[in-house]
Amino acid sequence: MLEYLKICRPDHWLKNVFIIFGHVVAWVLVLDFAWDGSLLVKAALSLVPACLIASANYILNEILDAPFDALHPTKRHRGIPAGKVRVALLWWLKAGLIVVAFALAKFWGFNWGYLAALGLLLLSGIVYNVPPLRLKDRAFLDVIAESFNNPIRLWLGYYALVEPRHVPPASIVLAWWFFGALLMTGKRYAEFRFIADAELSGRYRRSFRTYTETTLILAMITYANLFCFCTGIAMATYQRLQNLVFVFPMIVVAVIAYFHHAMKRENARLEPEQLLRNPWILFWTAATGVATVALLLAKTNYAKALHLLGPLDF
């Protein structure tokens, strides 16, 4: 039973914390900072169906990736390539998770915007893993497709709290997408160096036949710049977000910490997921989150008061 649970990857549910970002966007831009107990319950419940769909996608991923995982230095010990589980039971488990996820979402009264985002999360797993598309085998498209889960999680959090007639700003959605692409490219870079064998890495993941260390580094720089560009647009456009210009230096430091950790020679031997567990990355991410909430709640527009955005009136 434990092996089946491992394939559902409950330890990866932590990624769904990004849904909270959607909650915050809705809370700031639509709900005008209003909240009550029922809103908090709704926000908490919105995480559950998303986690179940994520596990369904992980099952699909492990079933279809088993022949390739058998070539990986550590993934060959997973349940399917190691022969520890029955694939037929996994298909039934996947179907059960999907049914329960949508049933709970409907029972808890989530609107069609949330349900559509939940469907997109399920569809993204199919597009990413299932031939003939199987975007995970296509260089650069693999990162773009996998990181699209970030906007989906934003929409899940957003529409869990507000009606579908409200649409989140494109600048924020794109910034969140590019941020995910930066993280995913960092994982590819770490994994590419971890395998350290061009022929073996190409057999394990077809996209690695195209990637090089240089192209992956350039992709990370590109996504980091696009993330900063879209974030800047959002901060400059929405008055309620203008105080976040003071968070921007912390975002830059967090990105630099991520680059520094991902590119250390000794970290080429780390599993990709371990990159995000670095204490400095966790510290700057947490510090940025705390500073963001504090500045959003501030009554004074410090950015304008200090003449950083807009004209100074006397």
C-alpha atoms as a PDB file:
ATOM      1  CA  MET A   1       0.000   0.000   0.000  1.00  0.00           C
ATOM      2  CA  LEU A   2       2.862   2.337   0.804  1.00  0.00           C
ATOM      3  CA  GLU A   3       4.212   2.029  -2.747  1.00  0.00           C
ATOM      4  CA  TYR A   4       0.855   3.086  -4.203  1.00  0.00           C
ATOM      5  CA  LEU A   5       0.805   6.077  -1.867  1.00  0.00           C
ATOM      6  CA  LYS A   6       4.325   7.047  -2.952  1.00  0.00           C
ATOM      7  CA  ILE A   7       3.207   7.118  -6.594  1.00  0.00           C
ATOM      8  CA  CYS A   8       0.447   9.573  -5.623  1.00  0.00           C
ATOM      9  CA  ARG A   9       3.279  11.795  -4.296  1.00  0.00           C
ATOM     10  CA  PRO A  10       1.492  13.483  -1.373  1.00  0.00           C
ATOM     11  CA  ASP A  11       4.850  15.052  -0.521  1.00  0.00           C
ATOM     12  CA  HIS A  12       4.490  17.059  -3.763  1.00  0.00           C
ATOM     13  CA  TRP A  13       1.145  18.516  -2.667  1.00  0.00           C
ATOM     14  CA  LEU A  14       3.214  21.339  -1.216  1.00  0.00           C
ATOM     15  CA  LYS A  15       3.337  22.769  -4.750  1.00  0.00           C
ATOM     16  CA  ASN A  16      -0.372  23.538  -4.418  1.00  0.00           C
ATOM     17  CA  VAL A  17       0.538  26.207  -1.885  1.00  0.00           C
ATOM     18  CA  PHE A  18       0.777  28.349  -5.050  1.00  0.00           C
ATOM     19  CA  ILE A  19      -3.032  28.308  -5.033  1.00  0.00           C
ATOM     20  CA  ILE A  20      -2.798  30.685  -2.068  1.00  0.00           C
ATOM     21  CA  PHE A  21      -1.290  33.242  -4.443  1.00  0.00           C
ATOM     22  CA  GLY A  22      -4.597  33.184  -6.340  1.00  0.00           C
ATOM     23  CA  HIS A  23      -6.438  33.696  -3.041  1.00  0.00           C
ATOM     24  CA  VAL A  24      -4.305  36.764  -2.328  1.00  0.00           C
ATOM     25  CA  VAL A  25      -4.870  38.245  -5.807  1.00  0.00           C
ATOM     26  CA  ALA A  26      -8.642  37.882  -5.399  1.00  0.00           C
ATOM     27  CA  TRP A  27      -8.534  39.206  -1.825  1.00  0.00           C
ATOM     28  CA  VAL A  28      -6.583  42.321  -2.810  1.00  0.00           C
ATOM     29  CA  LEU A  29      -7.991  43.236  -6.224  1.00  0.00           C
ATOM     30  CA  VAL A  30     -11.620  42.059  -5.968  1.00  0.00           C
ATOM     31  CA  LEU A  31     -12.629  41.520  -2.324  1.00  0.00           C
ATOM     32  CA  ASP A  32     -11.066  44.793  -1.125  1.00  0.00           C
ATOM     33  CA  PHE A  33      -9.278  43.038   1.764  1.00  0.00           C
ATOM     34  CA  ALA A  34     -12.603  41.799   3.202  1.00  0.00           C
ATOM     35  CA  TRP A  35     -12.584  38.371   4.801  1.00  0.00           C
ATOM     36  CA  ASP A  36     -14.491  36.212   7.266  1.00  0.00           C
ATOM     37  CA  GLY A  37     -14.517  32.649   8.552  1.00  0.00           C
ATOM     38  CA  SER A  38     -16.467  31.258   5.595  1.00  0.00           C
ATOM     39  CA  LEU A  39     -13.965  32.757   3.174  1.00  0.00           C
ATOM     40  CA  LEU A  40     -11.061  31.102   4.997  1.00  0.00           C
ATOM     41  CA  VAL A  41     -12.896  27.760   4.962  1.00  0.00           C
ATOM     42  CA  LYS A  42     -13.539  28.124   1.218  1.00  0.00           C
ATOM     43  CA  ALA A  43      -9.869  28.918   0.631  1.00  0.00           C
ATOM     44  CA  ALA A  44      -8.737  25.883   2.630  1.00  0.00           C
ATOM     45  CA  LEU A  45     -11.198  23.531   0.934  1.00  0.00           C
ATOM     46  CA  SER A  46     -10.056  24.668  -2.525  1.00  0.00           C
ATOM     47  CA  LEU A  47      -6.713  22.956  -1.928  1.00  0.00           C
ATOM     48  CA  VAL A  48      -8.231  19.475  -1.536  1.00  0.00           C
ATOM     49  CA  PRO A  49      -9.601  18.755  -5.060  1.00  0.00           C
ATOM     50  CA  ALA A  50      -6.433  20.258  -6.557  1.00  0.00           C
ATOM     51  CA  CYS A  51      -4.253  17.881  -4.524  1.00  0.00           C
ATOM     52  CA  LEU A  52      -6.346  14.884  -5.646  1.00  0.00           C
ATOM     53  CA  ILE A  53      -6.107  15.874  -9.335  1.00  0.00           C
ATOM     54  CA  ALA A  54      -2.367  16.449  -8.920  1.00  0.00           C
ATOM     55  CA  SER A  55      -2.026  12.878  -7.574  1.00  0.00           C
ATOM     56  CA  ALA A  56      -4.044  11.561 -10.524  1.00  0.00           C
ATOM     57  CA  ASN A  57      -1.591  13.322 -12.846  1.00  0.00           C
ATOM     58  CA  TYR A  58       1.385  11.883 -10.948  1.00  0.00           C
ATOM     59  CA  ILE A  59      -0.021   8.377 -11.405  1.00  0.00           C
ATOM     60  CA  LEU A  60      -0.345   8.942 -15.160  1.00  0.00           C
ATOM     61  CA  ASN A  61       3.177  10.345 -15.247  1.00  0.00           C
ATOM     62  CA  GLU A  62       4.677   7.349 -13.435  1.00  0.00           C
ATOM     63  CA  ILE A  63       2.814   4.793 -15.590  1.00  0.00           C
ATOM     64  CA  LEU A  64       3.916   6.359 -18.889  1.00  0.00           C
ATOM     65  CA  ASP A  65       7.424   7.212 -17.669  1.00  0.00           C
ATOM     66  CA  ALA A  66       8.233   3.787 -16.211  1.00  0.00           C
ATOM     67  CA  PRO A  67      10.348   2.636 -19.210  1.00  0.00           C
ATOM     68  CA  PHE A  68      12.360   5.864 -19.039  1.00  0.00           C
ATOM     69  CA  ASP A  69      12.631   5.902 -15.244  1.00  0.00           C
ATOM     70  CA  ALA A  70      14.303   2.495 -15.511  1.00  0.00           C
ATOM     71  CA  LEU A  71      17.234   4.311 -17.157  1.00  0.00           C
ATOM     72  CA  HIS A  72      17.553   6.956 -14.424  1.00  0.00           C
ATOM     73  CA  PRO A  73      20.186   6.549 -11.653  1.00  0.00           C
ATOM     74  CA  THR A  74      17.637   6.869  -8.833  1.00  0.00           C
ATOM     75  CA  LYS A  75      14.146   6.786 -10.390  1.00  0.00           C
ATOM     76  CA  ARG A  76      14.673   3.155 -11.449  1.00  0.00           C
ATOM     77  CA  HIS A  77      13.872   2.270  -7.821  1.00  0.00           C
ATOM     78  CA  ARG A  78      10.334   3.679  -8.104  1.00  0.00           C
ATOM     79  CA  GLY A  79       7.350   1.372  -7.709  1.00  0.00           C
ATOM     80  CA  ILE A  80       6.569   0.578 -11.368  1.00  0.00           C
ATOM     81  CA  PRO A  81      10.069   0.071 -12.846  1.00  0.00           C
ATOM     82  CA  ALA A  82      11.030  -1.879  -9.722  1.00  0.00           C
ATOM     83  CA  GLY A  83       7.921  -4.097 -10.084  1.00  0.00           C
ATOM     84  CA  LYS A  84       6.503  -3.226  -6.649  1.00  0.00           C
ATOM     85  CA  VAL A  85       2.974  -2.266  -7.815  1.00  0.00           C
ATOM     86  CA  ARG A  86       0.284  -3.406 -10.269  1.00  0.00           C
ATOM     87  CA  VAL A  87      -0.368  -0.928 -13.069  1.00  0.00           C
ATOM     88  CA  ALA A  88      -4.021  -2.024 -13.446  1.00  0.00           C
ATOM     89  CA  LEU A  89      -4.746  -0.955  -9.871  1.00  0.00           C
ATOM     90  CA  LEU A  90      -3.062   2.382 -10.499  1.00  0.00           C
ATOM     91  CA  TRP A  91      -5.470   3.142 -13.366  1.00  0.00           C
ATOM     92  CA  TRP A  92      -8.418   2.485 -11.033  1.00  0.00           C
ATOM     93  CA  LEU A  93      -6.833   4.646  -8.339  1.00  0.00           C
ATOM     94  CA  LYS A  94      -6.372   7.472 -10.845  1.00  0.00           C
ATOM     95  CA  ALA A  95     -10.035   7.272 -11.916  1.00  0.00           C
ATOM     96  CA  GLY A  96     -11.177   7.288  -8.284  1.00  0.00           C
ATOM     97  CA  LEU A  97      -9.126  10.379  -7.462  1.00  0.00           C
ATOM     98  CA  ILE A  98     -10.620  12.279 -10.415  1.00  0.00           C
ATOM     99  CA  VAL A  99     -14.217  11.369  -9.509  1.00  0.00           C
ATOM    100  CA  VAL A 100     -13.747  12.278  -5.838  1.00  0.00           C
ATOM    101  CA  ALA A 101     -12.016  15.572  -6.702  1.00  0.00           C
ATOM    102  CA  PHE A 102     -14.820  16.851  -8.932  1.00  0.00           C
ATOM    103  CA  ALA A 103     -17.520  15.475  -6.612  1.00  0.00           C
ATOM    104  CA  LEU A 104     -16.048  17.356  -3.649  1.00  0.00           C
ATOM    105  CA  ALA A 105     -15.665  20.553  -5.669  1.00  0.00           C
ATOM    106  CA  LYS A 106     -19.313  20.361  -6.703  1.00  0.00           C
ATOM    107  CA  PHE A 107     -20.510  19.415  -3.213  1.00  0.00           C
ATOM    108  CA  TRP A 108     -18.659  22.350  -1.649  1.00  0.00           C
ATOM    109  CA  GLY A 109     -20.322  24.732  -4.109  1.00  0.00           C
ATOM    110  CA  PHE A 110     -17.341  25.950  -6.115  1.00  0.00           C
ATOM    111  CA  ASN A 111     -18.317  27.937  -9.225  1.00  0.00           C
ATOM    112  CA  TRP A 112     -17.727  26.921 -12.840  1.00  0.00           C
ATOM    113  CA  GLY A 113     -14.539  29.006 -12.994  1.00  0.00           C
ATOM    114  CA  TYR A 114     -12.967  26.834 -10.304  1.00  0.00           C
ATOM    115  CA  LEU A 115     -14.276  23.649 -11.948  1.00  0.00           C
ATOM    116  CA  ALA A 116     -12.885  24.755 -15.317  1.00  0.00           C
ATOM    117  CA  ALA A 117      -9.477  25.414 -13.729  1.00  0.00           C
ATOM    118  CA  LEU A 118      -9.627  21.976 -12.097  1.00  0.00           C
ATOM    119  CA  GLY A 119     -10.350  20.475 -15.524  1.00  0.00           C
ATOM    120  CA  LEU A 120      -7.402  22.374 -16.974  1.00  0.00           C
ATOM    121  CA  LEU A 121      -5.148  20.918 -14.278  1.00  0.00           C
ATOM    122  CA  LEU A 122      -6.254  17.432 -15.304  1.00  0.00           C
ATOM    123  CA  LEU A 123      -5.870  18.241 -19.004  1.00  0.00           C
ATOM    124  CA  SER A 124      -2.371  19.620 -18.479  1.00  0.00           C
ATOM    125  CA  GLY A 125      -1.275  16.224 -17.151  1.00  0.00           C
ATOM    126  CA  ILE A 126      -2.621  14.535 -20.280  1.00  0.00           C
ATOM    127  CA  VAL A 127      -1.022  17.000 -22.722  1.00  0.00           C
ATOM    128  CA  TYR A 128       2.264  16.790 -20.855  1.00  0.00           C
ATOM    129  CA  ASN A 129       2.463  12.995 -20.631  1.00  0.00           C
ATOM    130  CA  VAL A 130       0.349  11.285 -23.304  1.00  0.00           C
ATOM    131  CA  PRO A 131       1.537  10.686 -26.909  1.00  0.00           C
ATOM    132  CA  PRO A 132       1.402  11.953 -29.570  1.00  0.00           C
ATOM    133  CA  LEU A 133       1.679  15.418 -27.989  1.00  0.00           C
ATOM    134  CA  ARG A 134       3.653  14.392 -24.870  1.00  0.00           C
ATOM    135  CA  LEU A 135       5.133  17.861 -24.482  1.00  0.00           C
ATOM    136  CA  LYS A 136       7.575  16.680 -21.826  1.00  0.00           C
ATOM    137  CA  ASP A 137       9.651  15.201 -24.674  1.00  0.00           C
ATOM    138  CA  ARG A 138       9.875  18.502 -26.568  1.00  0.00           C
ATOM    139  CA  ALA A 139      12.678  20.848 -25.563  1.00  0.00           C
ATOM    140  CA  PHE A 140      11.498  24.190 -24.114  1.00  0.00           C
ATOM    141  CA  LEU A 141       7.843  23.268 -24.692  1.00  0.00           C
ATOM    142  CA  ASP A 142       8.208  20.840 -21.774  1.00  0.00           C
ATOM    143  CA  VAL A 143       9.024  23.694 -19.402  1.00  0.00           C
ATOM    144  CA  ILE A 144       6.324  25.966 -20.832  1.00  0.00           C
ATOM    145  CA  ALA A 145       3.710  23.218 -20.478  1.00  0.00           C
ATOM    146  CA  GLU A 146       4.742  22.112 -16.989  1.00  0.00           C
ATOM    147  CA  SER A 147       4.962  25.673 -15.665  1.00  0.00           C
ATOM    148  CA  PHE A 148       1.468  26.395 -17.039  1.00  0.00           C
ATOM    149  CA  ASN A 149       0.313  24.678 -13.859  1.00  0.00           C
ATOM    150  CA  ASN A 150       1.237  27.920 -12.083  1.00  0.00           C
ATOM    151  CA  PRO A 151      -1.467  30.010 -13.833  1.00  0.00           C
ATOM    152  CA  ILE A 152      -3.881  27.115 -13.356  1.00  0.00           C
ATOM    153  CA  ARG A 153      -3.207  27.127  -9.610  1.00  0.00           C
ATOM    154  CA  LEU A 154      -3.632  30.897  -9.593  1.00  0.00           C
ATOM    155  CA  TRP A 155      -7.054  30.502 -11.245  1.00  0.00           C
ATOM    156  CA  LEU A 156      -8.010  27.763  -8.764  1.00  0.00           C
ATOM    157  CA  GLY A 157      -7.273  30.048  -5.834  1.00  0.00           C
ATOM    158  CA  TYR A 158      -8.817  33.091  -7.502  1.00  0.00           C
ATOM    159  CA  TYR A 159     -12.105  31.502  -8.569  1.00  0.00           C
ATOM    160  CA  ALA A 160     -12.447  29.667  -5.271  1.00  0.00           C
ATOM    161  CA  LEU A 161     -13.199  33.079  -3.751  1.00  0.00           C
ATOM    162  CA  VAL A 162     -14.731  35.214  -6.538  1.00  0.00           C
ATOM    163  CA  GLU A 163     -17.182  34.767  -9.379  1.00  0.00           C
ATOM    164  CA  PRO A 164     -15.984  34.000 -12.947  1.00  0.00           C
ATOM    165  CA  ARG A 165     -17.079  37.452 -14.164  1.00  0.00           C
ATOM    166  CA  HIS A 166     -13.910  38.767 -12.485  1.00  0.00           C
ATOM    167  CA  VAL A 167     -10.787  38.037 -14.526  1.00  0.00           C
ATOM    168  CA  PRO A 168      -7.289  38.260 -12.985  1.00  0.00           C
ATOM    169  CA  PRO A 169      -4.876  40.689 -14.720  1.00  0.00           C
ATOM    170  CA  ALA A 170      -2.876  39.171 -17.580  1.00  0.00           C
ATOM    171  CA  SER A 171       0.327  40.760 -16.223  1.00  0.00           C
ATOM    172  CA  ILE A 172      -0.021  38.825 -12.956  1.00  0.00           C
ATOM    173  CA  VAL A 173      -0.978  35.569 -14.686  1.00  0.00           C
ATOM    174  CA  LEU A 174       2.014  35.829 -17.050  1.00  0.00           C
ATOM    175  CA  ALA A 175       4.400  36.774 -14.239  1.00  0.00           C
ATOM    176  CA  TRP A 176       3.317  33.673 -12.304  1.00  0.00           C
ATOM    177  CA  TRP A 177       3.732  31.551 -15.436  1.00  0.00           C
ATOM    178  CA  PHE A 178       7.259  32.854 -16.099  1.00  0.00           C
ATOM    179  CA  PHE A 179       8.164  32.350 -12.435  1.00  0.00           C
ATOM    180  CA  GLY A 180       7.146  28.700 -12.764  1.00  0.00           C
ATOM    181  CA  ALA A 181       9.129  28.401 -15.992  1.00  0.00           C
ATOM    182  CA  LEU A 182      12.197  29.703 -14.166  1.00  0.00           C
ATOM    183  CA  LEU A 183      11.839  27.062 -11.454  1.00  0.00           C
ATOM    184  CA  MET A 184      11.158  24.259 -13.944  1.00  0.00           C
ATOM    185  CA  THR A 185      14.166  25.206 -16.089  1.00  0.00           C
ATOM    186  CA  GLY A 186      16.309  25.180 -12.956  1.00  0.00           C
ATOM    187  CA  LYS A 187      15.099  21.630 -12.314  1.00  0.00           C
ATOM    188  CA  ARG A 188      15.953  20.612 -15.883  1.00  0.00           C
ATOM    189  CA  TYR A 189      19.410  22.154 -15.497  1.00  0.00           C
ATOM    190  CA  ALA A 190      20.052  20.296 -12.227  1.00  0.00           C
ATOM    191  CA  GLU A 191      18.771  17.006 -13.665  1.00  0.00           C
ATOM    192  CA  PHE A 192      20.830  17.418 -16.840  1.00  0.00           C
ATOM    193  CA  ARG A 193      23.979  17.834 -14.765  1.00  0.00           C
ATOM    194  CA  PHE A 194      22.919  15.126 -12.292  1.00  0.00           C
ATOM    195  CA  ILE A 195      22.819  12.443 -15.019  1.00  0.00           C
ATOM    196  CA  ALA A 196      26.065  13.809 -16.533  1.00  0.00           C
ATOM    197  CA  ASP A 197      25.886  11.498 -19.531  1.00  0.00           C
ATOM    198  CA  ALA A 198      24.635  12.921 -22.839  1.00  0.00           C
ATOM    199  CA  GLU A 199      23.635   9.550 -24.303  1.00  0.00           C
ATOM    200  CA  LEU A 200      21.919   8.299 -21.158  1.00  0.00           C
ATOM    201  CA  SER A 201      20.132  11.606 -20.510  1.00  0.00           C
ATOM    202  CA  GLY A 202      18.865  11.621 -24.113  1.00  0.00           C
ATOM    203  CA  ARG A 203      17.409   8.126 -23.685  1.00  0.00           C
ATOM    204  CA  TYR A 204      15.864   9.061 -20.342  1.00  0.00           C
ATOM    205  CA  ARG A 205      14.283  12.324 -21.558  1.00  0.00           C
ATOM    206  CA  ARG A 206      14.094  13.128 -25.278  1.00  0.00           C
ATOM    207  CA  SER A 207      14.236  16.882 -24.683  1.00  0.00           C
ATOM    208  CA  PHE A 208      17.743  16.403 -23.250  1.00  0.00           C
ATOM    209  CA  ARG A 209      18.914  15.549 -26.768  1.00  0.00           C
ATOM    210  CA  THR A 210      18.369  19.227 -27.605  1.00  0.00           C
ATOM    211  CA  TYR A 211      19.250  20.908 -24.323  1.00  0.00           C
ATOM    212  CA  THR A 212      22.749  21.973 -23.374  1.00  0.00           C
ATOM    213  CA  GLU A 213      23.951  23.636 -20.177  1.00  0.00           C
ATOM    214  CA  THR A 214      24.268  26.912 -22.098  1.00  0.00           C
ATOM    215  CA  THR A 215      20.740  26.867 -23.532  1.00  0.00           C
ATOM    216  CA  LEU A 216      19.273  25.996 -20.133  1.00  0.00           C
ATOM    217  CA  ILE A 217      21.137  28.869 -18.460  1.00  0.00           C
ATOM    218  CA  LEU A 218      19.977  31.284 -21.175  1.00  0.00           C
ATOM    219  CA  ALA A 219      16.406  30.045 -20.722  1.00  0.00           C
ATOM    220  CA  MET A 220      16.588  30.681 -16.966  1.00  0.00           C
ATOM    221  CA  ILE A 221      17.848  34.220 -17.560  1.00  0.00           C
ATOM    222  CA  THR A 222      15.057  34.825 -20.094  1.00  0.00           C
ATOM    223  CA  TYR A 223      12.306  33.599 -17.765  1.00  0.00           C
ATOM    224  CA  ALA A 224      13.724  35.601 -14.848  1.00  0.00           C
ATOM    225  CA  ASN A 225      13.653  38.785 -16.944  1.00  0.00           C
ATOM    226  CA  LEU A 226      10.129  38.122 -18.227  1.00  0.00           C
ATOM    227  CA  PHE A 227       8.948  37.468 -14.677  1.00  0.00           C
ATOM    228  CA  CYS A 228      10.439  40.763 -13.488  1.00  0.00           C
ATOM    229  CA  PHE A 229       9.015  42.632 -16.521  1.00  0.00           C
ATOM    230  CA  CYS A 230       5.431  41.403 -15.983  1.00  0.00           C
ATOM    231  CA  THR A 231       5.664  41.909 -12.225  1.00  0.00           C
ATOM    232  CA  GLY A 232       6.792  45.484 -12.813  1.00  0.00           C
ATOM    233  CA  ILE A 233       3.830  46.141 -15.115  1.00  0.00           C
ATOM    234  CA  ALA A 234       1.403  44.845 -12.482  1.00  0.00           C
ATOM    235  CA  MET A 235       2.968  46.962  -9.738  1.00  0.00           C
ATOM    236  CA  ALA A 236       2.919  50.114 -11.855  1.00  0.00           C
ATOM    237  CA  THR A 237      -0.654  49.581 -13.098  1.00  0.00           C
ATOM    238  CA  TYR A 238      -2.539  48.719  -9.907  1.00  0.00           C
ATOM    239  CA  GLN A 239      -2.330  51.292  -7.125  1.00  0.00           C
ATOM    240  CA  ARG A 240      -2.924  48.665  -4.469  1.00  0.00           C
ATOM    241  CA  LEU A 241       0.189  46.838  -5.628  1.00  0.00           C
ATOM    242  CA  GLN A 242       2.480  49.847  -5.847  1.00  0.00           C
ATOM    243  CA  ASN A 243       3.966  49.355  -2.380  1.00  0.00           C
ATOM    244  CA  LEU A 244       5.314  46.043  -3.650  1.00  0.00           C
ATOM    245  CA  VAL A 245       8.125  47.920  -5.430  1.00  0.00           C
ATOM    246  CA  PHE A 246       9.866  47.631  -2.057  1.00  0.00           C
ATOM    247  CA  VAL A 247       9.588  43.833  -2.256  1.00  0.00           C
ATOM    248  CA  PHE A 248      11.250  43.764  -5.654  1.00  0.00           C
ATOM    249  CA  PRO A 249      14.850  43.836  -4.291  1.00  0.00           C
ATOM    250  CA  MET A 250      13.958  40.808  -2.151  1.00  0.00           C
ATOM    251  CA  ILE A 251      12.570  39.023  -5.220  1.00  0.00           C
ATOM    252  CA  VAL A 252      15.822  39.716  -7.048  1.00  0.00           C
ATOM    253  CA  VAL A 253      17.850  38.330  -4.125  1.00  0.00           C
ATOM    254  CA  ALA A 254      15.648  35.197  -4.027  1.00  0.00           C
ATOM    255  CA  VAL A 255      16.164  34.661  -7.779  1.00  0.00           C
ATOM    256  CA  ILE A 256      19.927  35.147  -7.401  1.00  0.00           C
ATOM    257  CA  ALA A 257      19.984  32.654  -4.510  1.00  0.00           C
ATOM    258  CA  TYR A 258      18.166  30.140  -6.702  1.00  0.00           C
ATOM    259  CA  PHE A 259      20.605  30.657  -9.602  1.00  0.00           C
ATOM    260  CA  HIS A 260      23.600  30.428  -7.280  1.00  0.00           C
ATOM    261  CA  HIS A 261      22.402  27.205  -5.699  1.00  0.00           C
ATOM    262  CA  ALA A 262      21.340  25.576  -8.984  1.00  0.00           C
ATOM    263  CA  MET A 263      24.673  26.306 -10.652  1.00  0.00           C
ATOM    264  CA  LYS A 264      27.022  25.114  -7.905  1.00  0.00           C
ATOM    265  CA  ARG A 265      29.145  22.276  -9.196  1.00  0.00           C
ATOM    266  CA  GLU A 266      28.552  20.121  -6.123  1.00  0.00           C
ATOM    267  CA  ASN A 267      24.785  20.496  -6.546  1.00  0.00           C
ATOM    268  CA  ALA A 268      24.906  18.722  -9.900  1.00  0.00           C
ATOM    269  CA  ARG A 269      24.594  15.537  -7.835  1.00  0.00           C
ATOM    270  CA  LEU A 270      21.374  16.671  -6.150  1.00  0.00           C
ATOM    271  CA  GLU A 271      17.949  15.502  -7.204  1.00  0.00           C
ATOM    272  CA  PRO A 272      16.161  18.473  -8.852  1.00  0.00           C
ATOM    273  CA  GLU A 273      13.499  18.821  -6.127  1.00  0.00           C
ATOM    274  CA  GLN A 274      16.237  19.298  -3.537  1.00  0.00           C
ATOM    275  CA  LEU A 275      17.146  22.616  -5.144  1.00  0.00           C
ATOM    276  CA  LEU A 276      14.037  24.231  -3.694  1.00  0.00           C
ATOM    277  CA  ARG A 277      14.833  23.002  -0.173  1.00  0.00           C
ATOM    278  CA  ASN A 278      17.947  25.146   0.198  1.00  0.00           C
ATOM    279  CA  PRO A 279      17.680  27.157   3.470  1.00  0.00           C
ATOM    280  CA  TRP A 280      18.561  30.465   1.802  1.00  0.00           C
ATOM    281  CA  ILE A 281      15.962  29.984  -0.937  1.00  0.00           C
ATOM    282  CA  LEU A 282      13.338  29.076   1.668  1.00  0.00           C
ATOM    283  CA  PHE A 283      14.342  32.033   3.850  1.00  0.00           C
ATOM    284  CA  TRP A 284      14.130  34.635   1.081  1.00  0.00           C
ATOM    285  CA  THR A 285      10.892  33.151  -0.223  1.00  0.00           C
ATOM    286  CA  ALA A 286       9.326  33.345   3.252  1.00  0.00           C
ATOM    287  CA  ALA A 287      10.701  36.840   3.876  1.00  0.00           C
ATOM    288  CA  THR A 288       9.327  38.021   0.536  1.00  0.00           C
ATOM    289  CA  GLY A 289       5.906  36.575   1.367  1.00  0.00           C
ATOM    290  CA  VAL A 290       5.769  38.264   4.788  1.00  0.00           C
ATOM    291  CA  ALA A 291       6.917  41.614   3.373  1.00  0.00           C
ATOM    292  CA  THR A 292       4.348  41.353   0.566  1.00  0.00           C
ATOM    293  CA  VAL A 293       1.416  40.860   2.955  1.00  0.00           C
ATOM    294  CA  ALA A 294       2.624  43.668   5.253  1.00  0.00           C
ATOM    295  CA  LEU A 295       2.959  46.146   2.376  1.00  0.00           C
ATOM    296  CA  LEU A 296      -0.411  45.178   0.906  1.00  0.00           C
ATOM    297  CA  LEU A 297      -2.064  45.923   4.241  1.00  0.00           C
ATOM    298  CA  ALA A 298      -0.240  49.235   4.697  1.00  0.00           C
ATOM    299  CA  LYS A 299      -2.554  52.268   4.677  1.00  0.00           C
ATOM    300  CA  THR A 300       0.048  54.546   3.089  1.00  0.00           C
ATOM    301  CA  ASN A 301       1.183  54.376  -0.515  1.00  0.00           C
ATOM    302  CA  TYR A 302       4.891  54.593   0.270  1.00  0.00           C
ATOM    303  CA  ALA A 303       5.864  54.187  -3.376  1.00  0.00           C
ATOM    304  CA  LYS A 304       4.034  57.349  -4.359  1.00  0.00           C
ATOM    305  CA  ALA A 305       4.968  59.211  -1.179  1.00  0.00           C
ATOM    306  CA  LEU A 306       8.640  58.652  -1.979  1.00  0.00           C
ATOM    307  CA  HIS A 307       8.084  59.728  -5.579  1.00  0.00           C
ATOM    308  CA  LEU A 308       8.925  56.272  -6.950  1.00  0.00           C
ATOM    309  CA  LEU A 309       5.664  55.992  -8.916  1.00  0.00           C
ATOM    310  CA  GLY A 310       3.651  58.911 -10.204  1.00  0.00           C
ATOM    311  CA  PRO A 311       4.115  62.672  -9.761  1.00  0.00           C
ATOM    312  CA  LEU A 312       4.806  64.181  -6.364  1.00  0.00           C
ATOM    313  CA  ASP A 313       2.104  66.622  -5.239  1.00  0.00           C
ATOM    314  CA  PHE A 314       2.692  69.331  -2.643  1.00  0.00           C
END
